[in-house]
Protein backbone atom coordinates (compact mmCIF):
# COMPACT_ATOMS: atom_id res chain seq x y z
CA GLN A 1 19.41 -26.24 -10.16
CA ARG A 2 16.15 -24.94 -9.47
CA HIS A 3 14.43 -22.22 -11.62
CA LEU A 4 11.73 -19.88 -11.08
CA LEU A 5 9.09 -18.76 -13.68
CA GLU A 6 7.35 -15.42 -13.26
CA SER A 7 4.20 -14.51 -15.11
CA GLY A 8 1.29 -11.91 -14.81
CA GLY A 9 3.63 -8.85 -16.53
CA GLY A 10 2.00 -6.65 -18.92
CA SER A 11 0.75 -3.20 -19.56
CA VAL A 12 -1.22 -1.15 -16.85
CA GLN A 13 -2.48 2.50 -16.70
CA ALA A 14 -1.15 4.61 -13.76
CA GLY A 15 -3.39 4.00 -10.88
CA GLY A 16 -4.42 0.49 -11.85
CA SER A 17 -3.37 -2.88 -10.51
CA LEU A 18 -1.61 -5.91 -11.83
CA ARG A 19 -0.56 -9.12 -10.01
CA LEU A 20 2.66 -11.07 -10.39
CA SER A 21 3.14 -14.78 -9.99
CA CYS A 22 6.21 -16.71 -9.49
CA THR A 23 6.29 -20.66 -9.28
CA ALA A 24 9.30 -23.01 -9.26
CA THR A 25 9.72 -24.95 -12.21
CA GLU A 26 9.59 -28.35 -10.34
CA GLY A 27 6.34 -27.57 -8.75
CA GLY A 28 7.37 -26.52 -5.54
CA PRO A 29 8.70 -23.66 -3.45
CA THR A 30 12.35 -22.49 -3.82
CA GLY A 31 13.83 -21.67 -0.41
CA ARG A 32 12.53 -20.50 2.73
CA CYS A 33 12.84 -16.88 1.75
CA MET A 34 11.44 -15.58 -1.83
CA GLY A 35 11.71 -12.27 -2.94
CA TRP A 36 10.78 -9.94 -5.78
CA PHE A 37 13.23 -7.60 -7.67
CA ARG A 38 13.09 -5.11 -10.24
CA GLN A 39 15.22 -3.34 -12.70
CA ALA A 40 14.39 -0.57 -15.21
CA PRO A 41 16.70 0.22 -18.00
CA GLY A 42 20.06 2.06 -16.83
CA THR A 43 19.20 1.40 -13.41
CA LEU A 44 20.66 -1.38 -10.61
CA ARG A 45 18.28 -4.12 -9.77
CA GLU A 46 16.48 -3.22 -6.79
CA ALA A 47 14.51 -5.14 -3.99
CA VAL A 48 10.79 -4.72 -3.84
CA ALA A 49 9.44 -7.02 -1.43
CA ALA A 50 10.43 -10.49 0.22
CA VAL A 51 8.58 -12.88 1.69
CA TYR A 52 9.22 -15.68 4.27
CA VAL A 53 7.52 -18.83 2.92
CA ALA A 54 6.41 -20.52 6.43
CA ASP A 55 4.39 -17.68 7.72
CA ASP A 56 4.06 -15.23 4.84
CA GLY A 57 5.98 -12.80 7.18
CA ALA A 58 6.91 -9.51 4.64
CA TRP A 59 9.51 -6.96 3.94
CA TYR A 60 8.81 -4.08 1.34
CA SER A 61 10.94 -1.34 0.12
CA THR A 62 9.65 2.33 0.99
CA SER A 63 8.83 2.68 -2.60
CA VAL A 64 6.06 0.21 -2.64
CA LYS A 65 4.97 -0.05 0.96
CA GLY A 66 1.21 0.59 1.28
CA ARG A 67 0.63 -0.15 -2.21
CA PHE A 68 2.07 -3.58 -3.04
CA THR A 69 1.55 -6.89 -1.24
CA VAL A 70 3.55 -9.95 -1.50
CA GLY A 71 2.54 -13.29 -0.17
CA MET A 72 2.15 -17.21 -0.92
CA ASP A 73 -0.65 -19.09 -2.14
CA ASN A 74 -2.15 -21.50 0.33
CA ALA A 75 -0.20 -24.32 -1.31
CA LYS A 76 3.14 -22.65 -0.49
CA THR A 77 3.97 -23.41 -4.27
CA THR A 78 3.30 -20.08 -5.91
CA MET A 79 4.61 -16.30 -4.62
CA TYR A 80 2.69 -13.27 -5.75
CA LEU A 81 2.90 -9.56 -5.97
CA GLN A 82 -0.34 -7.66 -5.95
CA MET A 83 0.61 -4.20 -7.17
CA ASN A 84 -1.89 -1.52 -6.55
CA ASN A 85 -2.04 2.10 -7.65
CA VAL A 86 0.61 1.21 -10.17
CA GLN A 87 2.76 4.32 -11.02
CA PRO A 88 5.13 5.04 -13.92
CA ALA A 89 8.16 4.81 -11.76
CA ASP A 90 7.11 1.05 -11.23
CA ALA A 91 7.84 0.44 -14.81
CA ALA A 92 10.44 -2.30 -15.03
CA TRP A 93 11.21 -5.64 -15.50
CA TYR A 94 10.39 -7.97 -12.34
CA TYR A 95 12.08 -10.73 -11.31
CA CYS A 96 11.44 -13.16 -8.55
CA ALA A 97 14.35 -14.94 -6.50
CA GLY A 98 14.49 -17.74 -3.97
CA ALA A 99 17.05 -18.78 -1.03
CA ASP A 100 17.23 -20.49 2.33
CA PHE A 101 17.46 -17.59 4.54
CA GLY A 102 16.32 -17.51 7.83
CA ARG A 103 13.36 -15.64 8.87
CA GLY A 104 15.30 -12.76 10.55
CA TYR A 105 17.27 -12.12 7.63
CA CYS A 106 14.65 -12.60 5.01
CA LEU A 107 12.51 -9.80 6.64
CA THR A 108 15.36 -7.28 6.26
CA GLY A 109 15.33 -7.25 2.27
CA PRO A 110 18.27 -9.40 1.13
CA SER A 111 20.32 -8.06 -1.29
CA SER A 112 20.07 -9.70 -4.93
CA ARG A 113 23.35 -10.90 -4.75
CA ASN A 114 22.57 -13.36 -1.80
CA TYR A 115 19.88 -15.21 -3.76
CA ASP A 116 20.48 -18.42 -4.97
CA TYR A 117 17.28 -19.04 -7.40
CA TRP A 118 16.23 -16.64 -10.13
CA GLY A 119 13.42 -16.38 -12.67
CA GLN A 120 13.69 -14.91 -16.34
CA GLY A 121 11.69 -11.71 -15.47
CA THR A 122 8.25 -10.42 -16.45
CA GLN A 123 8.05 -6.96 -17.98
CA VAL A 124 5.68 -4.31 -16.46
CA THR A 125 4.68 -1.18 -18.50
CA VAL A 126 2.65 1.83 -17.12
CA SER A 127 0.84 4.44 -19.07
CA SER A 128 -0.06 7.64 -17.82
């Protein structure tokens, strides 16, 4: 079973930027579609962004659209999430996920229950 590894979490001031990364532990991409999810204490895990690995087609939740950017590195082995103008509401554990979805479904922002591969998460805290 393939696993994913997130990195880049930490503390950021409101209005600042942070970049998260996600790689497969075996060194390759995991699935044709990869996504970022987040979960704050007492809340459900919510989809943040998804990317179709082959062409970097992307989907964003309304809460992050215009502030966050999801994409793949040139080698297609690392997914990133560039977080700009980070707000206190963005504080959460961030998880990356992967699955072999087709492009059309990937770009609808699939639910967490449909992804096959997950990382352990990286925490983002925001100070105001």
